[in-house]
Structure formats: C-alpha cells, structure tokens
Protein backbone atom coordinates (compact mmCIF):
# COMPACT_ATOMS: atom_id res chain seq x y z
CA MET A 1 -21.09 -41.22 19.22
CA GLU A 2 -20.02 -39.80 22.53
CA PHE A 3 -20.41 -43.22 24.13
CA PHE A 4 -18.18 -44.71 21.45
CA LEU A 5 -15.50 -42.06 22.03
CA ASN A 6 -15.60 -42.73 25.78
CA GLN A 7 -14.85 -46.38 25.04
CA VAL A 8 -11.70 -45.65 23.03
CA PRO A 9 -8.70 -45.09 25.32
CA GLY A 10 -6.96 -41.79 24.95
CA VAL A 11 -9.56 -40.07 22.70
CA ILE A 12 -10.98 -37.83 25.44
CA SER A 13 -7.49 -36.97 26.74
CA ASN A 14 -6.39 -36.24 23.17
CA CYS A 15 -9.32 -33.95 22.72
CA ALA A 16 -8.47 -32.14 25.94
CA ARG A 17 -4.89 -31.87 24.95
CA ALA A 18 -5.91 -30.43 21.57
CA LYS A 19 -8.15 -27.85 23.27
CA SER A 20 -5.22 -26.99 25.63
CA ILE A 21 -2.83 -26.53 22.74
CA GLN A 22 -5.42 -24.47 20.88
CA GLY A 23 -5.78 -22.16 23.92
CA THR A 24 -1.98 -21.85 24.23
CA VAL A 25 -1.64 -20.97 20.53
CA ALA A 26 -4.42 -18.43 20.81
CA GLN A 27 -2.90 -16.80 23.83
CA GLY A 28 0.58 -16.71 22.17
CA THR A 29 -0.97 -15.13 19.08
CA LYS A 30 -2.63 -12.44 21.22
CA GLN A 31 0.67 -11.67 22.94
CA VAL A 32 2.55 -11.41 19.71
CA ALA A 33 -0.11 -9.13 18.23
CA HIS A 34 -0.06 -6.98 21.29
CA GLY A 35 3.75 -6.74 21.07
CA VAL A 36 3.55 -5.82 17.42
CA VAL A 37 0.97 -3.13 17.99
CA THR A 38 2.88 -1.72 20.96
CA HIS A 39 6.16 -1.65 19.02
CA THR A 40 4.53 -0.08 15.89
CA LYS A 41 2.85 2.60 18.05
CA SER A 42 6.14 3.34 19.79
CA ALA A 43 7.93 3.59 16.51
CA ALA A 44 5.23 5.87 15.03
CA ASP A 45 5.41 8.10 18.08
CA SER A 46 9.16 8.35 17.77
CA LEU A 47 8.90 9.12 14.08
CA GLN A 48 6.30 11.82 14.73
CA THR A 49 8.43 13.42 17.42
CA GLY A 50 11.43 13.43 15.10
CA LEU A 51 9.40 14.99 12.28
CA GLU A 52 8.06 17.70 14.55
CA THR A 53 11.49 18.46 15.88
CA SER A 54 12.88 18.69 12.34
CA VAL A 55 10.08 20.99 11.24
CA LYS A 56 10.65 23.22 14.24
CA VAL A 57 14.43 23.42 13.55
CA VAL A 58 13.91 24.19 9.83
CA GLY A 59 11.32 26.82 10.75
CA GLU A 60 13.65 28.45 13.26
CA ALA A 61 16.53 28.39 10.71
CA ALA A 62 14.22 30.03 8.15
CA ASN A 63 13.20 32.70 10.60
CA ALA A 64 16.86 33.35 11.48
CA ALA A 65 17.76 33.63 7.80
CA ALA A 66 14.84 36.00 7.15
CA SER A 67 15.91 38.09 10.09
CA GLN A 68 19.51 38.22 8.75
CA ALA A 69 18.27 39.19 5.34
CA LYS A 70 16.31 42.21 6.73
CA VAL A 71 19.45 43.61 8.35
C-alpha cells in the first residue's frame, strides 16, 4: 500500500499537510483552552476578593451598629 501511495503524485504531501494542519489546530485549541482557564481563574479571584471585601464591610457596619446600640 505504501508503495502505491508513493506512486500517486501529491498523496504524501497531502498527508504531510494534513498532519501539519492537525498540529496547528491542536496547538490553537491548547492556546484557547489556556486562555479560558486563565480568564476564568482571574474572574473567580476577582469575585472572591469582592465577596471578602463585602463581608468585611458588612461585618464592620454590624459592629459599629452594635457599638452604637450599647451607648
């Protein structure tokens, strides 16, 4: 079979081209996935920081209100 493929013009170069395209697509997929993961982690970190800040502010306001109520 390999002998036959070697006798047909362009078959080997088409196979090489297909492998090259396959590698390019795989690399692009990895880059997109990495970008999605990085963006998602960054968004999650920002959300967590915002929630922690909100909880801290609410806690401080509750403490201030409790202190005012004692006076």
